């Protein structure tokens, strides 16, 4: 699941985006850039997000999104 879909889901709305950033061990600003698609996470950050979301947003979701955007160019 993409991070934007997760944040719109009931599970994603249980806490603020600032709290999701904290749980993912990144700053609020960086988390916002990830959500907006302006940045891609490192493998470590992708893993931290997967752990913070209890596996709902998987590491592969970031890779698949990147591969798809690269093929569209």
C-alpha atoms as a PDB file:
ATOM      1  CA  UNK A   1       0.000   0.000   0.000  1.00  0.00           C
ATOM      2  CA  UNK A   2       1.278   3.456  -0.787  1.00  0.00           C
ATOM      3  CA  UNK A   3       1.924   5.780   2.115  1.00  0.00           C
ATOM      4  CA  UNK A   4      -0.761   8.230   0.940  1.00  0.00           C
ATOM      5  CA  UNK A   5      -3.391   5.474   0.910  1.00  0.00           C
ATOM      6  CA  UNK A   6      -2.264   4.320   4.347  1.00  0.00           C
ATOM      7  CA  UNK A   7      -2.503   7.814   5.812  1.00  0.00           C
ATOM      8  CA  UNK A   8      -6.043   8.126   4.430  1.00  0.00           C
ATOM      9  CA  UNK A   9      -7.093   4.796   5.924  1.00  0.00           C
ATOM     10  CA  UNK A  10      -8.586   4.440   9.403  1.00  0.00           C
ATOM     11  CA  UNK A  11      -5.325   2.869  10.646  1.00  0.00           C
ATOM     12  CA  UNK A  12      -3.291   5.762   9.270  1.00  0.00           C
ATOM     13  CA  UNK A  13      -5.538   8.340  10.864  1.00  0.00           C
ATOM     14  CA  UNK A  14      -5.081   7.004  14.386  1.00  0.00           C
ATOM     15  CA  UNK A  15      -2.202   9.433  14.972  1.00  0.00           C
ATOM     16  CA  UNK A  16      -0.864  12.614  13.396  1.00  0.00           C
ATOM     17  CA  UNK A  17       1.609  12.695  10.538  1.00  0.00           C
ATOM     18  CA  UNK A  18       4.109  14.130  12.979  1.00  0.00           C
ATOM     19  CA  UNK A  19       3.711  10.979  15.070  1.00  0.00           C
ATOM     20  CA  UNK A  20       4.088   8.736  12.011  1.00  0.00           C
ATOM     21  CA  UNK A  21       7.301  10.607  11.209  1.00  0.00           C
ATOM     22  CA  UNK A  22       8.555  10.041  14.745  1.00  0.00           C
ATOM     23  CA  UNK A  23       7.666   6.345  14.598  1.00  0.00           C
ATOM     24  CA  UNK A  24       9.472   6.111  11.255  1.00  0.00           C
ATOM     25  CA  UNK A  25      12.511   7.833  12.775  1.00  0.00           C
ATOM     26  CA  UNK A  26      12.536  10.768  10.334  1.00  0.00           C
ATOM     27  CA  UNK A  27      11.761  14.466  10.620  1.00  0.00           C
ATOM     28  CA  UNK A  28       8.281  15.776   9.907  1.00  0.00           C
ATOM     29  CA  UNK A  29       9.602  17.672   6.895  1.00  0.00           C
ATOM     30  CA  UNK A  30      11.259  14.633   5.379  1.00  0.00           C
ATOM     31  CA  UNK A  31       8.154  12.536   6.033  1.00  0.00           C
ATOM     32  CA  UNK A  32       6.060  15.153   4.226  1.00  0.00           C
ATOM     33  CA  UNK A  33       8.408  15.010   1.239  1.00  0.00           C
ATOM     34  CA  UNK A  34       8.049  11.224   1.161  1.00  0.00           C
ATOM     35  CA  UNK A  35       4.266  11.495   1.273  1.00  0.00           C
ATOM     36  CA  UNK A  36       4.270  14.069  -1.541  1.00  0.00           C
ATOM     37  CA  UNK A  37       6.582  11.904  -3.652  1.00  0.00           C
ATOM     38  CA  UNK A  38       9.328  14.517  -3.673  1.00  0.00           C
ATOM     39  CA  UNK A  39      11.788  12.134  -2.002  1.00  0.00           C
ATOM     40  CA  UNK A  40      12.341   8.388  -1.943  1.00  0.00           C
ATOM     41  CA  UNK A  41      13.388   6.727   1.296  1.00  0.00           C
ATOM     42  CA  UNK A  42      16.612   4.882   1.860  1.00  0.00           C
ATOM     43  CA  UNK A  43      16.265   1.167   2.480  1.00  0.00           C
ATOM     44  CA  UNK A  44      16.599   1.792   6.207  1.00  0.00           C
ATOM     45  CA  UNK A  45      13.841   4.417   6.220  1.00  0.00           C
ATOM     46  CA  UNK A  46      11.609   2.190   4.062  1.00  0.00           C
ATOM     47  CA  UNK A  47      12.170  -0.592   6.614  1.00  0.00           C
ATOM     48  CA  UNK A  48      11.409   1.775   9.503  1.00  0.00           C
ATOM     49  CA  UNK A  49       8.161   2.834   7.816  1.00  0.00           C
ATOM     50  CA  UNK A  50       7.213  -0.806   7.251  1.00  0.00           C
ATOM     51  CA  UNK A  51       7.799  -1.507  10.931  1.00  0.00           C
ATOM     52  CA  UNK A  52       5.929   1.645  12.047  1.00  0.00           C
ATOM     53  CA  UNK A  53       2.904   0.727   9.916  1.00  0.00           C
ATOM     54  CA  UNK A  54       3.001  -2.914  11.067  1.00  0.00           C
ATOM     55  CA  UNK A  55       3.766  -4.093   7.542  1.00  0.00           C
ATOM     56  CA  UNK A  56       0.956  -2.267   5.786  1.00  0.00           C
ATOM     57  CA  UNK A  57       3.323   0.004   3.836  1.00  0.00           C
ATOM     58  CA  UNK A  58       6.013  -2.396   2.654  1.00  0.00           C
ATOM     59  CA  UNK A  59       9.550  -1.673   1.530  1.00  0.00           C
ATOM     60  CA  UNK A  60       8.635  -3.032  -1.910  1.00  0.00           C
ATOM     61  CA  UNK A  61       5.902  -0.416  -2.287  1.00  0.00           C
ATOM     62  CA  UNK A  62       8.575   2.298  -2.543  1.00  0.00           C
ATOM     63  CA  UNK A  63      10.627   0.330  -5.076  1.00  0.00           C
ATOM     64  CA  UNK A  64       7.624  -0.519  -7.240  1.00  0.00           C
ATOM     65  CA  UNK A  65       6.536   3.117  -7.276  1.00  0.00           C
ATOM     66  CA  UNK A  66      10.022   4.195  -8.357  1.00  0.00           C
ATOM     67  CA  UNK A  67      10.277   1.539 -11.099  1.00  0.00           C
ATOM     68  CA  UNK A  68       6.879   2.495 -12.479  1.00  0.00           C
ATOM     69  CA  UNK A  69       7.760   6.202 -12.591  1.00  0.00           C
ATOM     70  CA  UNK A  70      11.078   5.414 -14.319  1.00  0.00           C
ATOM     71  CA  UNK A  71       9.330   3.413 -17.069  1.00  0.00           C
ATOM     72  CA  UNK A  72       6.829   6.202 -17.678  1.00  0.00           C
ATOM     73  CA  UNK A  73       9.575   8.687 -18.622  1.00  0.00           C
END
